[in-house]
Amino acid sequence: MESFEEAVQVVFSQSAHALRSHADRERQERAQAYLDEILSAPDGWAHLLNWLPQLSSVEARFWTLQAFLNVLPSSSPQQRQALREGVLTHCVLRRLQGGDTSCEARGDSGPGASSGLSGAGRNAARTEDGSAQGAETSREDAAVKNKTALLLVRLVQTDFPSTWPTAFLELRRLWTIAVEATSELPVSEKSEQASAKQVDVLDGLDVCLRILLLLHQEVVEDSVVVRDAEQTRRDAE
């Protein structure tokens, strides 16, 4: 396989359609073997996390987030902290910042805190020169936003309060950033740059709302612990 994204595209496209030839089957087998090799590598999750910001296809982003969900049960607290920081930064904060990923921690973060959210507040959605980044942005697919929200909720369920005691404080800070970013969107400006920023910010807000909904459904509403089989089914959807 020439690239990770190509392999994912092959597996997704040929799984959805009957393989027409022996060559198609061989190509799919090579692609699946390449992806399995990434998953089985001890640092495979770290490579996926590094690739996440550059992934251009919906299928590759969805597959990567599902892979993160699959490794959670066997991951260490340090790995999960890296995952939540990376996913929060690349899948949520970057959108709320209009495509900018330069949000830096300010102030005391405390043990277990996610650096991308520590101290972030008003104007966190603005870039240094006040311009929007990523003018060619497009709306994120709903399946990717759902998987992002599910992954972050699973991280809360796994690590709060033992190794992520500030989880709900950080999520509240994230929602504050989302509200502020939305309130600062231009109302009348019709430039391409402004439109791109609006798409980004509204997508980021959408992910935040999906996180809130899932937290309510799976943490607040569920008075009985979800059975392992049921949780596995939800994660695989």
C-alpha atoms as a PDB file:
ATOM      1  CA  MET A   1       0.000   0.000   0.000  1.00  0.00           C
ATOM      2  CA  GLU A   2       1.294   3.437  -0.913  1.00  0.00           C
ATOM      3  CA  SER A   3      -0.405   5.113   2.026  1.00  0.00           C
ATOM      4  CA  PHE A   4      -2.525   4.536   5.082  1.00  0.00           C
ATOM      5  CA  GLU A   5      -5.457   6.446   3.608  1.00  0.00           C
ATOM      6  CA  GLU A   6      -5.322   4.429   0.407  1.00  0.00           C
ATOM      7  CA  ALA A   7      -5.472   1.201   2.405  1.00  0.00           C
ATOM      8  CA  VAL A   8      -8.505   2.396   4.369  1.00  0.00           C
ATOM      9  CA  GLN A   9     -10.252   3.476   1.168  1.00  0.00           C
ATOM     10  CA  VAL A  10      -9.646   0.061  -0.403  1.00  0.00           C
ATOM     11  CA  VAL A  11     -11.010  -1.808   2.619  1.00  0.00           C
ATOM     12  CA  PHE A  12     -14.068   0.445   2.925  1.00  0.00           C
ATOM     13  CA  SER A  13     -14.938   0.563  -0.772  1.00  0.00           C
ATOM     14  CA  GLN A  14     -14.444  -3.118  -1.495  1.00  0.00           C
ATOM     15  CA  SER A  15     -16.226  -4.204   1.687  1.00  0.00           C
ATOM     16  CA  ALA A  16     -19.295  -2.329   0.491  1.00  0.00           C
ATOM     17  CA  HIS A  17     -19.318  -4.035  -2.916  1.00  0.00           C
ATOM     18  CA  ALA A  18     -18.815  -7.565  -4.128  1.00  0.00           C
ATOM     19  CA  LEU A  19     -15.228  -8.167  -5.199  1.00  0.00           C
ATOM     20  CA  ARG A  20     -15.321  -8.532  -8.951  1.00  0.00           C
ATOM     21  CA  SER A  21     -12.003 -10.214  -9.585  1.00  0.00           C
ATOM     22  CA  HIS A  22      -9.092 -12.064  -8.056  1.00  0.00           C
ATOM     23  CA  ALA A  23      -7.031  -8.875  -8.343  1.00  0.00           C
ATOM     24  CA  ASP A  24      -9.629  -6.993  -6.287  1.00  0.00           C
ATOM     25  CA  ARG A  25      -9.482  -9.640  -3.566  1.00  0.00           C
ATOM     26  CA  GLU A  26      -5.691  -9.550  -3.493  1.00  0.00           C
ATOM     27  CA  ARG A  27      -5.690  -5.761  -3.267  1.00  0.00           C
ATOM     28  CA  GLN A  28      -8.146  -5.826  -0.380  1.00  0.00           C
ATOM     29  CA  GLU A  29      -6.122  -8.502   1.421  1.00  0.00           C
ATOM     30  CA  ARG A  30      -2.946  -6.413   1.083  1.00  0.00           C
ATOM     31  CA  ALA A  31      -4.756  -3.345   2.364  1.00  0.00           C
ATOM     32  CA  GLN A  32      -6.225  -5.236   5.330  1.00  0.00           C
ATOM     33  CA  ALA A  33      -2.844  -6.763   6.163  1.00  0.00           C
ATOM     34  CA  TYR A  34      -1.270  -3.300   6.137  1.00  0.00           C
ATOM     35  CA  LEU A  35      -3.921  -1.956   8.525  1.00  0.00           C
ATOM     36  CA  ASP A  36      -3.629  -5.011  10.778  1.00  0.00           C
ATOM     37  CA  GLU A  37       0.119  -4.442  10.957  1.00  0.00           C
ATOM     38  CA  ILE A  38      -0.457  -0.878  12.148  1.00  0.00           C
ATOM     39  CA  LEU A  39      -2.935  -2.052  14.781  1.00  0.00           C
ATOM     40  CA  SER A  40      -0.654  -4.793  16.084  1.00  0.00           C
ATOM     41  CA  ALA A  41       2.428  -2.574  16.407  1.00  0.00           C
ATOM     42  CA  PRO A  42       3.115  -1.422  19.998  1.00  0.00           C
ATOM     43  CA  ASP A  43       3.326   2.197  18.855  1.00  0.00           C
ATOM     44  CA  GLY A  44       0.701   1.906  16.124  1.00  0.00           C
ATOM     45  CA  TRP A  45      -1.769   4.068  18.049  1.00  0.00           C
ATOM     46  CA  ALA A  46       0.895   6.809  18.350  1.00  0.00           C
ATOM     47  CA  HIS A  47       1.461   6.816  14.582  1.00  0.00           C
ATOM     48  CA  LEU A  48      -2.288   7.105  14.022  1.00  0.00           C
ATOM     49  CA  LEU A  49      -2.474  10.007  16.459  1.00  0.00           C
ATOM     50  CA  ASN A  50       0.323  11.798  14.595  1.00  0.00           C
ATOM     51  CA  TRP A  51      -1.397  11.203  11.259  1.00  0.00           C
ATOM     52  CA  LEU A  52      -4.843  12.302  12.459  1.00  0.00           C
ATOM     53  CA  PRO A  53      -4.464  16.060  11.692  1.00  0.00           C
ATOM     54  CA  GLN A  54      -3.452  15.332   8.080  1.00  0.00           C
ATOM     55  CA  LEU A  55      -6.097  12.730   7.223  1.00  0.00           C
ATOM     56  CA  SER A  56      -8.220  14.022   4.353  1.00  0.00           C
ATOM     57  CA  SER A  57     -10.806  11.270   3.948  1.00  0.00           C
ATOM     58  CA  VAL A  58     -13.817  10.666   6.179  1.00  0.00           C
ATOM     59  CA  GLU A  59     -13.139   6.923   6.074  1.00  0.00           C
ATOM     60  CA  ALA A  60      -9.580   7.314   7.365  1.00  0.00           C
ATOM     61  CA  ARG A  61     -10.642   9.577  10.227  1.00  0.00           C
ATOM     62  CA  PHE A  62     -13.494   7.248  11.180  1.00  0.00           C
ATOM     63  CA  TRP A  63     -11.250   4.157  11.038  1.00  0.00           C
ATOM     64  CA  THR A  64      -8.604   5.890  13.166  1.00  0.00           C
ATOM     65  CA  LEU A  65     -11.069   6.932  15.870  1.00  0.00           C
ATOM     66  CA  GLN A  66     -12.494   3.398  15.943  1.00  0.00           C
ATOM     67  CA  ALA A  67      -8.963   2.044  16.325  1.00  0.00           C
ATOM     68  CA  PHE A  68      -8.461   4.327  19.337  1.00  0.00           C
ATOM     69  CA  LEU A  69     -11.655   2.954  20.880  1.00  0.00           C
ATOM     70  CA  ASN A  70     -10.423  -0.585  20.335  1.00  0.00           C
ATOM     71  CA  VAL A  71      -7.117   0.010  22.142  1.00  0.00           C
ATOM     72  CA  LEU A  72      -8.640   1.705  25.207  1.00  0.00           C
ATOM     73  CA  PRO A  73      -9.083  -1.491  27.273  1.00  0.00           C
ATOM     74  CA  SER A  74      -5.374  -2.355  26.996  1.00  0.00           C
ATOM     75  CA  SER A  75      -3.960   1.181  27.104  1.00  0.00           C
ATOM     76  CA  SER A  76      -1.983   2.811  29.901  1.00  0.00           C
ATOM     77  CA  PRO A  77      -3.034   6.060  31.641  1.00  0.00           C
ATOM     78  CA  GLN A  78      -0.223   7.876  29.809  1.00  0.00           C
ATOM     79  CA  GLN A  79      -1.440   6.581  26.449  1.00  0.00           C
ATOM     80  CA  ARG A  80      -5.011   7.613  27.207  1.00  0.00           C
ATOM     81  CA  GLN A  81      -3.868  11.093  28.215  1.00  0.00           C
ATOM     82  CA  ALA A  82      -2.031  11.430  24.899  1.00  0.00           C
ATOM     83  CA  LEU A  83      -5.136  10.212  23.077  1.00  0.00           C
ATOM     84  CA  ARG A  84      -7.514  12.645  24.729  1.00  0.00           C
ATOM     85  CA  GLU A  85      -5.133  15.580  24.242  1.00  0.00           C
ATOM     86  CA  GLY A  86      -4.652  14.725  20.580  1.00  0.00           C
ATOM     87  CA  VAL A  87      -8.328  14.119  19.848  1.00  0.00           C
ATOM     88  CA  LEU A  88      -9.475  17.217  21.754  1.00  0.00           C
ATOM     89  CA  THR A  89      -6.928  19.341  19.897  1.00  0.00           C
ATOM     90  CA  HIS A  90      -7.352  17.998  16.373  1.00  0.00           C
ATOM     91  CA  CYS A  91     -11.055  17.089  16.320  1.00  0.00           C
ATOM     92  CA  VAL A  92     -12.588  19.781  18.533  1.00  0.00           C
ATOM     93  CA  LEU A  93     -10.342  22.733  19.441  1.00  0.00           C
ATOM     94  CA  ARG A  94      -8.961  23.111  15.920  1.00  0.00           C
ATOM     95  CA  ARG A  95     -12.522  23.498  14.654  1.00  0.00           C
ATOM     96  CA  LEU A  96     -13.471  25.972  17.372  1.00  0.00           C
ATOM     97  CA  GLN A  97     -10.360  27.989  16.518  1.00  0.00           C
ATOM     98  CA  GLY A  98     -11.353  28.215  12.868  1.00  0.00           C
ATOM     99  CA  GLY A  99      -8.696  25.713  11.784  1.00  0.00           C
ATOM    100  CA  ASP A 100      -5.886  26.982  14.042  1.00  0.00           C
ATOM    101  CA  THR A 101      -4.088  24.480  16.301  1.00  0.00           C
ATOM    102  CA  SER A 102      -1.883  26.940  18.163  1.00  0.00           C
ATOM    103  CA  CYS A 103      -3.857  26.916  21.432  1.00  0.00           C
ATOM    104  CA  GLU A 104      -1.333  26.752  24.235  1.00  0.00           C
ATOM    105  CA  ALA A 105      -1.821  25.982  27.890  1.00  0.00           C
ATOM    106  CA  ARG A 106      -1.901  28.962  30.213  1.00  0.00           C
ATOM    107  CA  GLY A 107      -1.960  28.707  33.977  1.00  0.00           C
ATOM    108  CA  ASP A 108      -1.857  25.638  36.182  1.00  0.00           C
ATOM    109  CA  SER A 109      -3.212  22.516  34.620  1.00  0.00           C
ATOM    110  CA  GLY A 110      -3.043  20.194  37.607  1.00  0.00           C
ATOM    111  CA  PRO A 111      -2.360  16.459  37.536  1.00  0.00           C
ATOM    112  CA  GLY A 112      -3.978  14.588  34.695  1.00  0.00           C
ATOM    113  CA  ALA A 113      -5.193  17.730  32.947  1.00  0.00           C
ATOM    114  CA  SER A 114      -5.282  17.947  29.160  1.00  0.00           C
ATOM    115  CA  SER A 115      -2.778  20.594  28.103  1.00  0.00           C
ATOM    116  CA  GLY A 116      -4.804  21.787  25.099  1.00  0.00           C
ATOM    117  CA  LEU A 117      -7.631  22.974  27.353  1.00  0.00           C
ATOM    118  CA  SER A 118      -5.702  24.200  30.374  1.00  0.00           C
ATOM    119  CA  GLY A 119      -6.306  27.906  30.847  1.00  0.00           C
ATOM    120  CA  ALA A 120      -8.083  28.303  27.524  1.00  0.00           C
ATOM    121  CA  GLY A 121     -10.875  30.830  27.632  1.00  0.00           C
ATOM    122  CA  ARG A 122     -12.162  33.940  25.892  1.00  0.00           C
ATOM    123  CA  ASN A 123     -10.624  34.601  22.476  1.00  0.00           C
ATOM    124  CA  ALA A 124      -9.287  31.034  22.339  1.00  0.00           C
ATOM    125  CA  ALA A 125     -11.122  30.738  19.039  1.00  0.00           C
ATOM    126  CA  ARG A 126      -9.091  33.547  17.450  1.00  0.00           C
ATOM    127  CA  THR A 127      -5.781  33.188  15.710  1.00  0.00           C
ATOM    128  CA  GLU A 128      -2.886  35.488  16.564  1.00  0.00           C
ATOM    129  CA  ASP A 129      -3.570  37.901  13.728  1.00  0.00           C
ATOM    130  CA  GLY A 130      -7.355  37.608  13.955  1.00  0.00           C
ATOM    131  CA  SER A 131      -7.698  35.733  10.683  1.00  0.00           C
ATOM    132  CA  ALA A 132      -9.319  32.375  10.052  1.00  0.00           C
ATOM    133  CA  GLN A 133      -7.247  29.392   9.068  1.00  0.00           C
ATOM    134  CA  GLY A 134      -8.110  26.583   6.686  1.00  0.00           C
ATOM    135  CA  ALA A 135     -10.277  28.547   4.243  1.00  0.00           C
ATOM    136  CA  GLU A 136     -10.895  25.391   2.229  1.00  0.00           C
ATOM    137  CA  THR A 137     -12.453  23.541   5.136  1.00  0.00           C
ATOM    138  CA  SER A 138     -15.566  21.410   4.684  1.00  0.00           C
ATOM    139  CA  ARG A 139     -18.225  20.100   7.007  1.00  0.00           C
ATOM    140  CA  GLU A 140     -17.176  17.085   9.029  1.00  0.00           C
ATOM    141  CA  ASP A 141     -19.144  13.889   8.519  1.00  0.00           C
ATOM    142  CA  ALA A 142     -21.673  13.075  11.255  1.00  0.00           C
ATOM    143  CA  ALA A 143     -20.202   9.593  11.724  1.00  0.00           C
ATOM    144  CA  VAL A 144     -16.791  11.081  12.549  1.00  0.00           C
ATOM    145  CA  LYS A 145     -18.326  13.556  14.994  1.00  0.00           C
ATOM    146  CA  ASN A 146     -20.271  10.760  16.689  1.00  0.00           C
ATOM    147  CA  LYS A 147     -17.147   8.617  16.982  1.00  0.00           C
ATOM    148  CA  THR A 148     -15.160  11.559  18.391  1.00  0.00           C
ATOM    149  CA  ALA A 149     -17.806  12.160  21.047  1.00  0.00           C
ATOM    150  CA  LEU A 150     -17.985   8.467  21.913  1.00  0.00           C
ATOM    151  CA  LEU A 151     -14.216   8.199  22.296  1.00  0.00           C
ATOM    152  CA  LEU A 152     -14.041  11.193  24.638  1.00  0.00           C
ATOM    153  CA  VAL A 153     -16.936   9.893  26.746  1.00  0.00           C
ATOM    154  CA  ARG A 154     -15.249   6.479  27.007  1.00  0.00           C
ATOM    155  CA  LEU A 155     -12.080   8.243  28.171  1.00  0.00           C
ATOM    156  CA  VAL A 156     -14.082  10.034  30.859  1.00  0.00           C
ATOM    157  CA  GLN A 157     -15.671   6.764  31.965  1.00  0.00           C
ATOM    158  CA  THR A 158     -12.282   5.054  32.091  1.00  0.00           C
ATOM    159  CA  ASP A 159     -10.158   7.721  33.784  1.00  0.00           C
ATOM    160  CA  PHE A 160     -12.479   9.822  35.956  1.00  0.00           C
ATOM    161  CA  PRO A 161     -11.760  10.386  38.777  1.00  0.00           C
ATOM    162  CA  SER A 162      -8.677   8.192  39.194  1.00  0.00           C
ATOM    163  CA  THR A 163      -6.273   9.551  36.571  1.00  0.00           C
ATOM    164  CA  TRP A 164      -8.325  12.391  35.061  1.00  0.00           C
ATOM    165  CA  PRO A 165      -9.812  14.178  38.069  1.00  0.00           C
ATOM    166  CA  THR A 166     -10.325  17.408  36.111  1.00  0.00           C
ATOM    167  CA  ALA A 167     -12.366  15.762  33.340  1.00  0.00           C
ATOM    168  CA  PHE A 168     -15.639  17.599  33.916  1.00  0.00           C
ATOM    169  CA  LEU A 169     -13.921  20.910  34.615  1.00  0.00           C
ATOM    170  CA  GLU A 170     -12.084  20.617  31.306  1.00  0.00           C
ATOM    171  CA  LEU A 171     -15.223  19.657  29.419  1.00  0.00           C
ATOM    172  CA  ARG A 172     -17.042  22.624  30.948  1.00  0.00           C
ATOM    173  CA  ARG A 173     -14.164  24.820  29.785  1.00  0.00           C
ATOM    174  CA  LEU A 174     -14.475  23.272  26.322  1.00  0.00           C
ATOM    175  CA  TRP A 175     -18.185  24.124  26.153  1.00  0.00           C
ATOM    176  CA  THR A 176     -17.410  27.670  27.292  1.00  0.00           C
ATOM    177  CA  ILE A 177     -14.919  27.992  24.439  1.00  0.00           C
ATOM    178  CA  ALA A 178     -17.547  26.652  22.020  1.00  0.00           C
ATOM    179  CA  VAL A 179     -20.157  29.182  23.143  1.00  0.00           C
ATOM    180  CA  GLU A 180     -17.678  32.073  22.959  1.00  0.00           C
ATOM    181  CA  ALA A 181     -16.445  31.012  19.526  1.00  0.00           C
ATOM    182  CA  THR A 182     -20.009  30.798  18.240  1.00  0.00           C
ATOM    183  CA  SER A 183     -20.968  34.188  19.671  1.00  0.00           C
ATOM    184  CA  GLU A 184     -17.986  35.814  17.925  1.00  0.00           C
ATOM    185  CA  LEU A 185     -18.852  34.553  14.452  1.00  0.00           C
ATOM    186  CA  PRO A 186     -19.426  37.365  11.924  1.00  0.00           C
ATOM    187  CA  VAL A 187     -23.080  37.919  11.118  1.00  0.00           C
ATOM    188  CA  SER A 188     -22.964  39.810   7.837  1.00  0.00           C
ATOM    189  CA  GLU A 189     -19.488  39.131   6.424  1.00  0.00           C
ATOM    190  CA  LYS A 190     -19.756  36.976   3.295  1.00  0.00           C
ATOM    191  CA  SER A 191     -16.104  36.355   2.460  1.00  0.00           C
ATOM    192  CA  GLU A 192     -14.853  32.855   1.715  1.00  0.00           C
ATOM    193  CA  GLN A 193     -12.568  33.048   4.739  1.00  0.00           C
ATOM    194  CA  ALA A 194     -15.423  33.979   7.075  1.00  0.00           C
ATOM    195  CA  SER A 195     -17.594  31.193   5.666  1.00  0.00           C
ATOM    196  CA  ALA A 196     -14.822  28.651   6.218  1.00  0.00           C
ATOM    197  CA  LYS A 197     -14.388  29.760   9.807  1.00  0.00           C
ATOM    198  CA  GLN A 198     -18.125  29.514  10.393  1.00  0.00           C
ATOM    199  CA  VAL A 199     -18.145  25.927   9.120  1.00  0.00           C
ATOM    200  CA  ASP A 200     -15.257  25.031  11.419  1.00  0.00           C
ATOM    201  CA  VAL A 201     -16.720  26.646  14.523  1.00  0.00           C
ATOM    202  CA  LEU A 202     -20.200  25.190  14.031  1.00  0.00           C
ATOM    203  CA  ASP A 203     -18.689  21.737  13.506  1.00  0.00           C
ATOM    204  CA  GLY A 204     -16.728  22.144  16.729  1.00  0.00           C
ATOM    205  CA  LEU A 205     -19.897  23.200  18.544  1.00  0.00           C
ATOM    206  CA  ASP A 206     -21.710  20.193  17.087  1.00  0.00           C
ATOM    207  CA  VAL A 207     -19.084  17.816  18.500  1.00  0.00           C
ATOM    208  CA  CYS A 208     -19.363  19.494  21.919  1.00  0.00           C
ATOM    209  CA  LEU A 209     -23.131  19.000  21.914  1.00  0.00           C
ATOM    210  CA  ARG A 210     -22.740  15.349  20.929  1.00  0.00           C
ATOM    211  CA  ILE A 211     -20.306  14.860  23.826  1.00  0.00           C
ATOM    212  CA  LEU A 212     -22.817  16.449  26.205  1.00  0.00           C
ATOM    213  CA  LEU A 213     -25.650  14.262  24.903  1.00  0.00           C
ATOM    214  CA  LEU A 214     -23.602  11.071  25.236  1.00  0.00           C
ATOM    215  CA  LEU A 215     -22.478  11.996  28.740  1.00  0.00           C
ATOM    216  CA  HIS A 216     -26.110  12.458  29.707  1.00  0.00           C
ATOM    217  CA  GLN A 217     -27.167   9.163  28.119  1.00  0.00           C
ATOM    218  CA  GLU A 218     -24.310   6.980  29.336  1.00  0.00           C
ATOM    219  CA  VAL A 219     -23.263   8.585  32.620  1.00  0.00           C
ATOM    220  CA  VAL A 220     -26.297  10.412  34.009  1.00  0.00           C
ATOM    221  CA  GLU A 221     -29.213   8.347  32.665  1.00  0.00           C
ATOM    222  CA  ASP A 222     -27.645   4.911  33.046  1.00  0.00           C
ATOM    223  CA  SER A 223     -28.228   4.163  36.702  1.00  0.00           C
ATOM    224  CA  VAL A 224     -27.139   0.581  36.097  1.00  0.00           C
ATOM    225  CA  VAL A 225     -23.663  -0.193  34.799  1.00  0.00           C
ATOM    226  CA  VAL A 226     -23.805  -1.052  31.120  1.00  0.00           C
ATOM    227  CA  ARG A 227     -22.986  -4.674  30.450  1.00  0.00           C
ATOM    228  CA  ASP A 228     -19.716  -5.293  28.635  1.00  0.00           C
ATOM    229  CA  ALA A 229     -21.450  -6.773  25.583  1.00  0.00           C
ATOM    230  CA  GLU A 230     -23.799  -3.799  25.293  1.00  0.00           C
ATOM    231  CA  GLN A 231     -20.953  -1.298  25.576  1.00  0.00           C
ATOM    232  CA  THR A 232     -18.987  -3.191  22.930  1.00  0.00           C
ATOM    233  CA  ARG A 233     -21.995  -3.050  20.609  1.00  0.00           C
ATOM    234  CA  ARG A 234     -22.335   0.721  21.090  1.00  0.00           C
ATOM    235  CA  ASP A 235     -18.643   1.310  20.463  1.00  0.00           C
ATOM    236  CA  ALA A 236     -18.747  -0.655  17.212  1.00  0.00           C
ATOM    237  CA  GLU A 237     -21.685   1.282  15.742  1.00  0.00           C
END
